[in-house]
Amino acid sequence: MLSDPLSPHSQAIFAAAKELDVIRALSYRPTFDLSEADLPISKLIRLSESNFDDPEFIQTWLRRLGESLKMIRENDPESRPAFEQAMYELDSIRGFGTVYI
């Protein structure tokens, strides 16, 4: 649970959740351009560098998220499990902590 929703860290969690929602919605569209994920992923990278304890962990999973989006775009049958695993890790306490909201 967030102790202070107005703290900079809490605001970073909310911002991360917003960008992850954009990516999640993109992944369910029948067709999309991979470049549409570039801006939200870039924002998430910047957030990870300045507001979270383990940016390397987060950035590893952001790379995997990008790879899974490419797999989804190519209709790879393994794409959805890879995407969901990346989202799970990014939502986790070690990731962006969006499980709190």
PDB file of N, CA and C in Angstrom:
ATOM      1  N   MET A   1       0.845  -1.169   0.000  1.00  0.00           N
ATOM      2  CA  MET A   1       0.000   0.000   0.000  1.00  0.00           C
ATOM      3  C   MET A   1       0.895   1.238   0.000  1.00  0.00           C
ATOM      4  N   LEU A   2       0.484   2.238  -0.723  1.00  0.00           N
ATOM      5  CA  LEU A   2       1.240   3.482  -0.780  1.00  0.00           C
ATOM      6  C   LEU A   2       0.960   4.299   0.470  1.00  0.00           C
ATOM      7  N   SER A   3       2.036   4.669   1.179  1.00  0.00           N
ATOM      8  CA  SER A   3       1.847   5.429   2.410  1.00  0.00           C
ATOM      9  C   SER A   3       1.516   6.891   2.136  1.00  0.00           C
ATOM     10  N   ASP A   4       2.118   7.458   1.088  1.00  0.00           N
ATOM     11  CA  ASP A   4       1.853   8.855   0.750  1.00  0.00           C
ATOM     12  C   ASP A   4       1.662   8.959  -0.764  1.00  0.00           C
ATOM     13  N   PRO A   5       0.428   9.009  -1.225  1.00  0.00           N
ATOM     14  CA  PRO A   5       0.194   9.027  -2.670  1.00  0.00           C
ATOM     15  C   PRO A   5       0.732  10.264  -3.374  1.00  0.00           C
ATOM     16  N   LEU A   6       1.120  11.284  -2.620  1.00  0.00           N
ATOM     17  CA  LEU A   6       1.647  12.503  -3.235  1.00  0.00           C
ATOM     18  C   LEU A   6       3.172  12.548  -3.257  1.00  0.00           C
ATOM     19  N   SER A   7       3.815  11.543  -2.688  1.00  0.00           N
ATOM     20  CA  SER A   7       5.279  11.529  -2.677  1.00  0.00           C
ATOM     21  C   SER A   7       5.809  11.338  -4.103  1.00  0.00           C
ATOM     22  N   PRO A   8       7.028  11.782  -4.368  1.00  0.00           N
ATOM     23  CA  PRO A   8       7.603  11.599  -5.710  1.00  0.00           C
ATOM     24  C   PRO A   8       7.655  10.132  -6.140  1.00  0.00           C
ATOM     25  N   HIS A   9       7.968   9.248  -5.186  1.00  0.00           N
ATOM     26  CA  HIS A   9       8.017   7.822  -5.542  1.00  0.00           C
ATOM     27  C   HIS A   9       6.628   7.303  -5.929  1.00  0.00           C
ATOM     28  N   SER A  10       5.619   7.675  -5.165  1.00  0.00           N
ATOM     29  CA  SER A  10       4.249   7.258  -5.492  1.00  0.00           C
ATOM     30  C   SER A  10       3.826   7.814  -6.846  1.00  0.00           C
ATOM     31  N   GLN A  11       4.176   9.047  -7.110  1.00  0.00           N
ATOM     32  CA  GLN A  11       3.830   9.645  -8.399  1.00  0.00           C
ATOM     33  C   GLN A  11       4.537   8.912  -9.545  1.00  0.00           C
ATOM     34  N   ALA A  12       5.759   8.445  -9.306  1.00  0.00           N
ATOM     35  CA  ALA A  12       6.475   7.665 -10.321  1.00  0.00           C
ATOM     36  C   ALA A  12       5.780   6.324 -10.557  1.00  0.00           C
ATOM     37  N   ILE A  13       5.263   5.717  -9.494  1.00  0.00           N
ATOM     38  CA  ILE A  13       4.520   4.455  -9.642  1.00  0.00           C
ATOM     39  C   ILE A  13       3.269   4.692 -10.481  1.00  0.00           C
ATOM     40  N   PHE A  14       2.546   5.778 -10.209  1.00  0.00           N
ATOM     41  CA  PHE A  14       1.348   6.090 -10.998  1.00  0.00           C
ATOM     42  C   PHE A  14       1.709   6.329 -12.467  1.00  0.00           C
ATOM     43  N   ALA A  15       2.803   7.040 -12.707  1.00  0.00           N
ATOM     44  CA  ALA A  15       3.235   7.319 -14.079  1.00  0.00           C
ATOM     45  C   ALA A  15       3.614   6.027 -14.786  1.00  0.00           C
ATOM     46  N   ALA A  16       4.292   5.128 -14.087  1.00  0.00           N
ATOM     47  CA  ALA A  16       4.661   3.840 -14.674  1.00  0.00           C
ATOM     48  C   ALA A  16       3.410   3.028 -15.010  1.00  0.00           C
ATOM     49  N   ALA A  17       2.449   3.028 -14.114  1.00  0.00           N
ATOM     50  CA  ALA A  17       1.203   2.283 -14.361  1.00  0.00           C
ATOM     51  C   ALA A  17       0.510   2.804 -15.612  1.00  0.00           C
ATOM     52  N   LYS A  18       0.508   4.111 -15.786  1.00  0.00           N
ATOM     53  CA  LYS A  18      -0.123   4.716 -16.967  1.00  0.00           C
ATOM     54  C   LYS A  18       0.557   4.242 -18.251  1.00  0.00           C
ATOM     55  N   GLU A  19       1.884   4.250 -18.264  1.00  0.00           N
ATOM     56  CA  GLU A  19       2.614   3.836 -19.466  1.00  0.00           C
ATOM     57  C   GLU A  19       2.461   2.331 -19.716  1.00  0.00           C
ATOM     58  N   LEU A  20       2.448   1.551 -18.655  1.00  0.00           N
ATOM     59  CA  LEU A  20       2.233   0.108 -18.820  1.00  0.00           C
ATOM     60  C   LEU A  20       0.833  -0.173 -19.362  1.00  0.00           C
ATOM     61  N   ASP A  21      -0.142   0.603 -18.943  1.00  0.00           N
ATOM     62  CA  ASP A  21      -1.501   0.452 -19.480  1.00  0.00           C
ATOM     63  C   ASP A  21      -1.545   0.763 -20.975  1.00  0.00           C
ATOM     64  N   VAL A  22      -0.796   1.775 -21.400  1.00  0.00           N
ATOM     65  CA  VAL A  22      -0.731   2.107 -22.831  1.00  0.00           C
ATOM     66  C   VAL A  22      -0.181   0.914 -23.611  1.00  0.00           C
ATOM     67  N   ILE A  23       0.876   0.323 -23.105  1.00  0.00           N
ATOM     68  CA  ILE A  23       1.492  -0.819 -23.783  1.00  0.00           C
ATOM     69  C   ILE A  23       0.558  -2.018 -23.766  1.00  0.00           C
ATOM     70  N   ARG A  24      -0.089  -2.246 -22.633  1.00  0.00           N
ATOM     71  CA  ARG A  24      -1.025  -3.372 -22.526  1.00  0.00           C
ATOM     72  C   ARG A  24      -2.153  -3.220 -23.555  1.00  0.00           C
ATOM     73  N   ALA A  25      -2.708  -2.029 -23.665  1.00  0.00           N
ATOM     74  CA  ALA A  25      -3.783  -1.787 -24.640  1.00  0.00           C
ATOM     75  C   ALA A  25      -3.275  -1.985 -26.069  1.00  0.00           C
ATOM     76  N   LEU A  26      -2.080  -1.516 -26.332  1.00  0.00           N
ATOM     77  CA  LEU A  26      -1.485  -1.679 -27.654  1.00  0.00           C
ATOM     78  C   LEU A  26      -1.375  -3.155 -28.026  1.00  0.00           C
ATOM     79  N   SER A  27      -0.989  -3.978 -27.067  1.00  0.00           N
ATOM     80  CA  SER A  27      -0.767  -5.405 -27.342  1.00  0.00           C
ATOM     81  C   SER A  27      -2.047  -6.136 -27.738  1.00  0.00           C
ATOM     82  N   TYR A  28      -3.203  -5.582 -27.391  1.00  0.00           N
ATOM     83  CA  TYR A  28      -4.467  -6.241 -27.718  1.00  0.00           C
ATOM     84  C   TYR A  28      -5.110  -5.724 -28.999  1.00  0.00           C
ATOM     85  N   ARG A  29      -4.496  -4.725 -29.602  1.00  0.00           N
ATOM     86  CA  ARG A  29      -5.034  -4.239 -30.875  1.00  0.00           C
ATOM     87  C   ARG A  29      -4.714  -5.246 -31.973  1.00  0.00           C
ATOM     88  N   PRO A  30      -5.613  -5.431 -32.933  1.00  0.00           N
ATOM     89  CA  PRO A  30      -5.375  -6.426 -33.986  1.00  0.00           C
ATOM     90  C   PRO A  30      -4.121  -6.114 -34.814  1.00  0.00           C
ATOM     91  N   THR A  31      -3.859  -4.837 -35.039  1.00  0.00           N
ATOM     92  CA  THR A  31      -2.634  -4.443 -35.729  1.00  0.00           C
ATOM     93  C   THR A  31      -2.085  -3.208 -35.040  1.00  0.00           C
ATOM     94  N   PHE A  32      -0.792  -3.125 -34.976  1.00  0.00           N
ATOM     95  CA  PHE A  32      -0.145  -1.954 -34.401  1.00  0.00           C
ATOM     96  C   PHE A  32       1.265  -1.852 -34.962  1.00  0.00           C
ATOM     97  N   ASP A  33       1.783  -0.663 -34.903  1.00  0.00           N
ATOM     98  CA  ASP A  33       3.145  -0.400 -35.332  1.00  0.00           C
ATOM     99  C   ASP A  33       4.030  -0.459 -34.087  1.00  0.00           C
ATOM    100  N   LEU A  34       5.121  -1.189 -34.168  1.00  0.00           N
ATOM    101  CA  LEU A  34       6.006  -1.312 -33.010  1.00  0.00           C
ATOM    102  C   LEU A  34       6.520   0.035 -32.517  1.00  0.00           C
ATOM    103  N   SER A  35       6.608   0.999 -33.407  1.00  0.00           N
ATOM    104  CA  SER A  35       7.091   2.318 -32.996  1.00  0.00           C
ATOM    105  C   SER A  35       6.143   2.983 -32.000  1.00  0.00           C
ATOM    106  N   GLU A  36       4.885   2.536 -31.952  1.00  0.00           N
ATOM    107  CA  GLU A  36       3.924   3.092 -30.997  1.00  0.00           C
ATOM    108  C   GLU A  36       4.304   2.777 -29.551  1.00  0.00           C
ATOM    109  N   ALA A  37       5.119   1.747 -29.360  1.00  0.00           N
ATOM    110  CA  ALA A  37       5.553   1.384 -28.011  1.00  0.00           C
ATOM    111  C   ALA A  37       6.828   2.120 -27.608  1.00  0.00           C
ATOM    112  N   ASP A  38       7.493   2.751 -28.560  1.00  0.00           N
ATOM    113  CA  ASP A  38       8.773   3.404 -28.269  1.00  0.00           C
ATOM    114  C   ASP A  38       8.664   4.489 -27.203  1.00  0.00           C
ATOM    115  N   LEU A  39       7.693   5.372 -27.322  1.00  0.00           N
ATOM    116  CA  LEU A  39       7.571   6.476 -26.373  1.00  0.00           C
ATOM    117  C   LEU A  39       7.253   5.976 -24.962  1.00  0.00           C
ATOM    118  N   PRO A  40       6.241   5.100 -24.779  1.00  0.00           N
ATOM    119  CA  PRO A  40       5.985   4.620 -23.419  1.00  0.00           C
ATOM    120  C   PRO A  40       7.185   3.868 -22.829  1.00  0.00           C
ATOM    121  N   ILE A  41       7.878   3.086 -23.650  1.00  0.00           N
ATOM    122  CA  ILE A  41       9.041   2.352 -23.140  1.00  0.00           C
ATOM    123  C   ILE A  41      10.151   3.336 -22.764  1.00  0.00           C
ATOM    124  N   SER A  42      10.358   4.362 -23.570  1.00  0.00           N
ATOM    125  CA  SER A  42      11.367   5.382 -23.246  1.00  0.00           C
ATOM    126  C   SER A  42      11.034   6.085 -21.932  1.00  0.00           C
ATOM    127  N   LYS A  43       9.759   6.403 -21.748  1.00  0.00           N
ATOM    128  CA  LYS A  43       9.345   7.037 -20.491  1.00  0.00           C
ATOM    129  C   LYS A  43       9.600   6.109 -19.307  1.00  0.00           C
ATOM    130  N   LEU A  44       9.329   4.820 -19.498  1.00  0.00           N
ATOM    131  CA  LEU A  44       9.541   3.858 -18.423  1.00  0.00           C
ATOM    132  C   LEU A  44      11.030   3.710 -18.103  1.00  0.00           C
ATOM    133  N   ILE A  45      11.870   3.750 -19.110  1.00  0.00           N
ATOM    134  CA  ILE A  45      13.316   3.689 -18.872  1.00  0.00           C
ATOM    135  C   ILE A  45      13.760   4.882 -18.031  1.00  0.00           C
ATOM    136  N   ARG A  46      13.304   6.079 -18.406  1.00  0.00           N
ATOM    137  CA  ARG A  46      13.670   7.281 -17.642  1.00  0.00           C
ATOM    138  C   ARG A  46      13.165   7.189 -16.198  1.00  0.00           C
ATOM    139  N   LEU A  47      11.931   6.718 -16.026  1.00  0.00           N
ATOM    140  CA  LEU A  47      11.398   6.552 -14.668  1.00  0.00           C
ATOM    141  C   LEU A  47      12.246   5.582 -13.860  1.00  0.00           C
ATOM    142  N   SER A  48      12.646   4.479 -14.491  1.00  0.00           N
ATOM    143  CA  SER A  48      13.416   3.457 -13.771  1.00  0.00           C
ATOM    144  C   SER A  48      14.764   3.999 -13.312  1.00  0.00           C
ATOM    145  N   GLU A  49      15.346   4.880 -14.105  1.00  0.00           N
ATOM    146  CA  GLU A  49      16.674   5.403 -13.775  1.00  0.00           C
ATOM    147  C   GLU A  49      16.656   6.381 -12.616  1.00  0.00           C
ATOM    148  N   SER A  50      15.537   7.060 -12.432  1.00  0.00           N
ATOM    149  CA  SER A  50      15.532   8.114 -11.430  1.00  0.00           C
ATOM    150  C   SER A  50      14.673   7.839 -10.201  1.00  0.00           C
ATOM    151  N   ASN A  51      13.850   6.818 -10.232  1.00  0.00           N
ATOM    152  CA  ASN A  51      12.886   6.656  -9.139  1.00  0.00           C
ATOM    153  C   ASN A  51      12.817   5.265  -8.516  1.00  0.00           C
ATOM    154  N   PHE A  52      13.581   4.316  -9.018  1.00  0.00           N
ATOM    155  CA  PHE A  52      13.423   2.951  -8.536  1.00  0.00           C
ATOM    156  C   PHE A  52      14.776   2.340  -8.175  1.00  0.00           C
ATOM    157  N   ASP A  53      14.749   1.373  -7.268  1.00  0.00           N
ATOM    158  CA  ASP A  53      15.974   0.809  -6.706  1.00  0.00           C
ATOM    159  C   ASP A  53      16.756  -0.102  -7.644  1.00  0.00           C
ATOM    160  N   ASP A  54      16.099  -0.739  -8.591  1.00  0.00           N
ATOM    161  CA  ASP A  54      16.780  -1.723  -9.435  1.00  0.00           C
ATOM    162  C   ASP A  54      16.523  -1.449 -10.918  1.00  0.00           C
ATOM    163  N   PRO A  55      17.098  -0.365 -11.453  1.00  0.00           N
ATOM    164  CA  PRO A  55      16.832  -0.025 -12.846  1.00  0.00           C
ATOM    165  C   PRO A  55      17.307  -1.098 -13.828  1.00  0.00           C
ATOM    166  N   GLU A  56      18.353  -1.833 -13.480  1.00  0.00           N
ATOM    167  CA  GLU A  56      18.830  -2.889 -14.385  1.00  0.00           C
ATOM    168  C   GLU A  56      17.773  -3.982 -14.548  1.00  0.00           C
ATOM    169  N   PHE A  57      17.161  -4.373 -13.436  1.00  0.00           N
ATOM    170  CA  PHE A  57      16.101  -5.375 -13.483  1.00  0.00           C
ATOM    171  C   PHE A  57      14.955  -4.872 -14.361  1.00  0.00           C
ATOM    172  N   ILE A  58      14.542  -3.653 -14.117  1.00  0.00           N
ATOM    173  CA  ILE A  58      13.423  -3.074 -14.871  1.00  0.00           C
ATOM    174  C   ILE A  58      13.764  -2.985 -16.351  1.00  0.00           C
ATOM    175  N   GLN A  59      14.946  -2.516 -16.672  1.00  0.00           N
ATOM    176  CA  GLN A  59      15.310  -2.349 -18.075  1.00  0.00           C
ATOM    177  C   GLN A  59      15.468  -3.687 -18.794  1.00  0.00           C
ATOM    178  N   THR A  60      15.902  -4.713 -18.068  1.00  0.00           N
ATOM    179  CA  THR A  60      15.940  -6.061 -18.658  1.00  0.00           C
ATOM    180  C   THR A  60      14.540  -6.490 -19.066  1.00  0.00           C
ATOM    181  N   TRP A  61      13.581  -6.276 -18.163  1.00  0.00           N
ATOM    182  CA  TRP A  61      12.206  -6.681 -18.459  1.00  0.00           C
ATOM    183  C   TRP A  61      11.556  -5.762 -19.489  1.00  0.00           C
ATOM    184  N   LEU A  62      11.975  -4.514 -19.581  1.00  0.00           N
ATOM    185  CA  LEU A  62      11.472  -3.640 -20.645  1.00  0.00           C
ATOM    186  C   LEU A  62      11.967  -4.116 -22.010  1.00  0.00           C
ATOM    187  N   ARG A  63      13.214  -4.586 -22.067  1.00  0.00           N
ATOM    188  CA  ARG A  63      13.711  -5.163 -23.329  1.00  0.00           C
ATOM    189  C   ARG A  63      12.899  -6.394 -23.707  1.00  0.00           C
ATOM    190  N   ARG A  64      12.645  -7.249 -22.725  1.00  0.00           N
ATOM    191  CA  ARG A  64      11.843  -8.453 -22.991  1.00  0.00           C
ATOM    192  C   ARG A  64      10.417  -8.082 -23.394  1.00  0.00           C
ATOM    193  N   LEU A  65       9.895  -7.027 -22.803  1.00  0.00           N
ATOM    194  CA  LEU A  65       8.564  -6.552 -23.183  1.00  0.00           C
ATOM    195  C   LEU A  65       8.564  -6.128 -24.649  1.00  0.00           C
ATOM    196  N   GLY A  66       9.579  -5.374 -25.056  1.00  0.00           N
ATOM    197  CA  GLY A  66       9.695  -4.970 -26.461  1.00  0.00           C
ATOM    198  C   GLY A  66       9.805  -6.162 -27.386  1.00  0.00           C
ATOM    199  N   GLU A  67      10.587  -7.165 -26.988  1.00  0.00           N
ATOM    200  CA  GLU A  67      10.719  -8.384 -27.783  1.00  0.00           C
ATOM    201  C   GLU A  67       9.377  -9.107 -27.893  1.00  0.00           C
ATOM    202  N   SER A  68       8.645  -9.160 -26.799  1.00  0.00           N
ATOM    203  CA  SER A  68       7.354  -9.858 -26.819  1.00  0.00           C
ATOM    204  C   SER A  68       6.344  -9.121 -27.697  1.00  0.00           C
ATOM    205  N   LEU A  69       6.408  -7.791 -27.720  1.00  0.00           N
ATOM    206  CA  LEU A  69       5.519  -7.031 -28.616  1.00  0.00           C
ATOM    207  C   LEU A  69       5.830  -7.358 -30.069  1.00  0.00           C
ATOM    208  N   LYS A  70       7.105  -7.501 -30.372  1.00  0.00           N
ATOM    209  CA  LYS A  70       7.486  -7.882 -31.733  1.00  0.00           C
ATOM    210  C   LYS A  70       6.933  -9.273 -32.058  1.00  0.00           C
ATOM    211  N   MET A  71       6.999 -10.182 -31.095  1.00  0.00           N
ATOM    212  CA  MET A  71       6.460 -11.532 -31.286  1.00  0.00           C
ATOM    213  C   MET A  71       4.945 -11.484 -31.498  1.00  0.00           C
ATOM    214  N   ILE A  72       4.255 -10.637 -30.725  1.00  0.00           N
ATOM    215  CA  ILE A  72       2.806 -10.491 -30.888  1.00  0.00           C
ATOM    216  C   ILE A  72       2.504 -10.006 -32.298  1.00  0.00           C
ATOM    217  N   ARG A  73       3.254  -9.014 -32.727  1.00  0.00           N
ATOM    218  CA  ARG A  73       3.060  -8.435 -34.069  1.00  0.00           C
ATOM    219  C   ARG A  73       3.245  -9.492 -35.154  1.00  0.00           C
ATOM    220  N   GLU A  74       4.152 -10.442 -34.899  1.00  0.00           N
ATOM    221  CA  GLU A  74       4.440 -11.508 -35.870  1.00  0.00           C
ATOM    222  C   GLU A  74       3.558 -12.742 -35.663  1.00  0.00           C
ATOM    223  N   ASN A  75       2.593 -12.648 -34.748  1.00  0.00           N
ATOM    224  CA  ASN A  75       1.671 -13.748 -34.444  1.00  0.00           C
ATOM    225  C   ASN A  75       2.369 -15.006 -33.938  1.00  0.00           C
ATOM    226  N   ASP A  76       3.447 -14.837 -33.210  1.00  0.00           N
ATOM    227  CA  ASP A  76       4.159 -15.964 -32.616  1.00  0.00           C
ATOM    228  C   ASP A  76       3.301 -16.540 -31.493  1.00  0.00           C
ATOM    229  N   PRO A  77       3.083 -17.866 -31.470  1.00  0.00           N
ATOM    230  CA  PRO A  77       2.232 -18.450 -30.432  1.00  0.00           C
ATOM    231  C   PRO A  77       2.790 -18.300 -29.011  1.00  0.00           C
ATOM    232  N   GLU A  78       4.079 -18.056 -28.867  1.00  0.00           N
ATOM    233  CA  GLU A  78       4.688 -17.878 -27.551  1.00  0.00           C
ATOM    234  C   GLU A  78       4.643 -16.433 -27.076  1.00  0.00           C
ATOM    235  N   SER A  79       4.077 -15.556 -27.894  1.00  0.00           N
ATOM    236  CA  SER A  79       4.132 -14.130 -27.600  1.00  0.00           C
ATOM    237  C   SER A  79       3.348 -13.735 -26.355  1.00  0.00           C
ATOM    238  N   ARG A  80       2.146 -14.228 -26.205  1.00  0.00           N
ATOM    239  CA  ARG A  80       1.314 -13.786 -25.081  1.00  0.00           C
ATOM    240  C   ARG A  80       1.916 -14.202 -23.740  1.00  0.00           C
ATOM    241  N   PRO A  81       2.375 -15.464 -23.576  1.00  0.00           N
ATOM    242  CA  PRO A  81       3.011 -15.795 -22.292  1.00  0.00           C
ATOM    243  C   PRO A  81       4.260 -14.941 -22.012  1.00  0.00           C
ATOM    244  N   ALA A  82       5.042 -14.663 -23.041  1.00  0.00           N
ATOM    245  CA  ALA A  82       6.239 -13.833 -22.856  1.00  0.00           C
ATOM    246  C   ALA A  82       5.839 -12.412 -22.462  1.00  0.00           C
ATOM    247  N   PHE A  83       4.807 -11.895 -23.093  1.00  0.00           N
ATOM    248  CA  PHE A  83       4.322 -10.554 -22.776  1.00  0.00           C
ATOM    249  C   PHE A  83       3.805 -10.495 -21.341  1.00  0.00           C
ATOM    250  N   GLU A  84       2.988 -11.457 -20.969  1.00  0.00           N
ATOM    251  CA  GLU A  84       2.405 -11.470 -19.622  1.00  0.00           C
ATOM    252  C   GLU A  84       3.484 -11.628 -18.551  1.00  0.00           C
ATOM    253  N   GLN A  85       4.522 -12.417 -18.823  1.00  0.00           N
ATOM    254  CA  GLN A  85       5.614 -12.565 -17.856  1.00  0.00           C
ATOM    255  C   GLN A  85       6.354 -11.236 -17.689  1.00  0.00           C
ATOM    256  N   ALA A  86       6.614 -10.554 -18.780  1.00  0.00           N
ATOM    257  CA  ALA A  86       7.289  -9.251 -18.704  1.00  0.00           C
ATOM    258  C   ALA A  86       6.434  -8.253 -17.926  1.00  0.00           C
ATOM    259  N   MET A  87       5.142  -8.216 -18.204  1.00  0.00           N
ATOM    260  CA  MET A  87       4.261  -7.294 -17.488  1.00  0.00           C
ATOM    261  C   MET A  87       4.215  -7.640 -15.997  1.00  0.00           C
ATOM    262  N   TYR A  88       4.170  -8.920 -15.699  1.00  0.00           N
ATOM    263  CA  TYR A  88       4.147  -9.355 -14.296  1.00  0.00           C
ATOM    264  C   TYR A  88       5.389  -8.850 -13.558  1.00  0.00           C
ATOM    265  N   GLU A  89       6.555  -9.041 -14.168  1.00  0.00           N
ATOM    266  CA  GLU A  89       7.806  -8.611 -13.539  1.00  0.00           C
ATOM    267  C   GLU A  89       7.863  -7.090 -13.395  1.00  0.00           C
ATOM    268  N   LEU A  90       7.390  -6.376 -14.403  1.00  0.00           N
ATOM    269  CA  LEU A  90       7.408  -4.914 -14.340  1.00  0.00           C
ATOM    270  C   LEU A  90       6.413  -4.380 -13.308  1.00  0.00           C
ATOM    271  N   ASP A  91       5.297  -5.064 -13.124  1.00  0.00           N
ATOM    272  CA  ASP A  91       4.307  -4.668 -12.115  1.00  0.00           C
ATOM    273  C   ASP A  91       4.745  -5.033 -10.697  1.00  0.00           C
ATOM    274  N   SER A  92       5.704  -5.945 -10.583  1.00  0.00           N
ATOM    275  CA  SER A  92       6.086  -6.485  -9.287  1.00  0.00           C
ATOM    276  C   SER A  92       6.748  -5.437  -8.381  1.00  0.00           C
ATOM    277  N   ILE A  93       6.923  -5.816  -7.155  1.00  0.00           N
ATOM    278  CA  ILE A  93       7.557  -4.930  -6.182  1.00  0.00           C
ATOM    279  C   ILE A  93       9.002  -4.629  -6.592  1.00  0.00           C
ATOM    280  N   ARG A  94       9.670  -5.590  -7.173  1.00  0.00           N
ATOM    281  CA  ARG A  94      11.051  -5.361  -7.626  1.00  0.00           C
ATOM    282  C   ARG A  94      11.076  -4.476  -8.878  1.00  0.00           C
ATOM    283  N   GLY A  95       9.972  -4.477  -9.617  1.00  0.00           N
ATOM    284  CA  GLY A  95       9.852  -3.637 -10.802  1.00  0.00           C
ATOM    285  C   GLY A  95       9.344  -2.247 -10.408  1.00  0.00           C
ATOM    286  N   PHE A  96       8.248  -1.845 -11.030  1.00  0.00           N
ATOM    287  CA  PHE A  96       7.691  -0.528 -10.755  1.00  0.00           C
ATOM    288  C   PHE A  96       6.779  -0.482  -9.535  1.00  0.00           C
ATOM    289  N   GLY A  97       6.429  -1.640  -8.993  1.00  0.00           N
ATOM    290  CA  GLY A  97       5.591  -1.658  -7.800  1.00  0.00           C
ATOM    291  C   GLY A  97       4.146  -1.268  -8.051  1.00  0.00           C
ATOM    292  N   THR A  98       3.703  -1.399  -9.287  1.00  0.00           N
ATOM    293  CA  THR A  98       2.335  -1.010  -9.597  1.00  0.00           C
ATOM    294  C   THR A  98       1.310  -1.956  -8.983  1.00  0.00           C
ATOM    295  N   VAL A  99       1.775  -3.049  -8.397  1.00  0.00           N
ATOM    296  CA  VAL A  99       0.865  -3.937  -7.675  1.00  0.00           C
ATOM    297  C   VAL A  99       0.240  -3.214  -6.482  1.00  0.00           C
ATOM    298  N   TYR A 100       0.828  -2.099  -6.073  1.00  0.00           N
ATOM    299  CA  TYR A 100       0.290  -1.343  -4.945  1.00  0.00           C
ATOM    300  C   TYR A 100      -0.958  -0.550  -5.305  1.00  0.00           C
ATOM    301  N   ILE A 101      -1.191  -0.326  -6.577  1.00  0.00           N
ATOM    302  CA  ILE A 101      -2.343   0.519  -6.942  1.00  0.00           C
ATOM    303  C   ILE A 101      -3.399  -0.283  -7.669  1.00  0.00           C
TER     304      ILE A 101
END
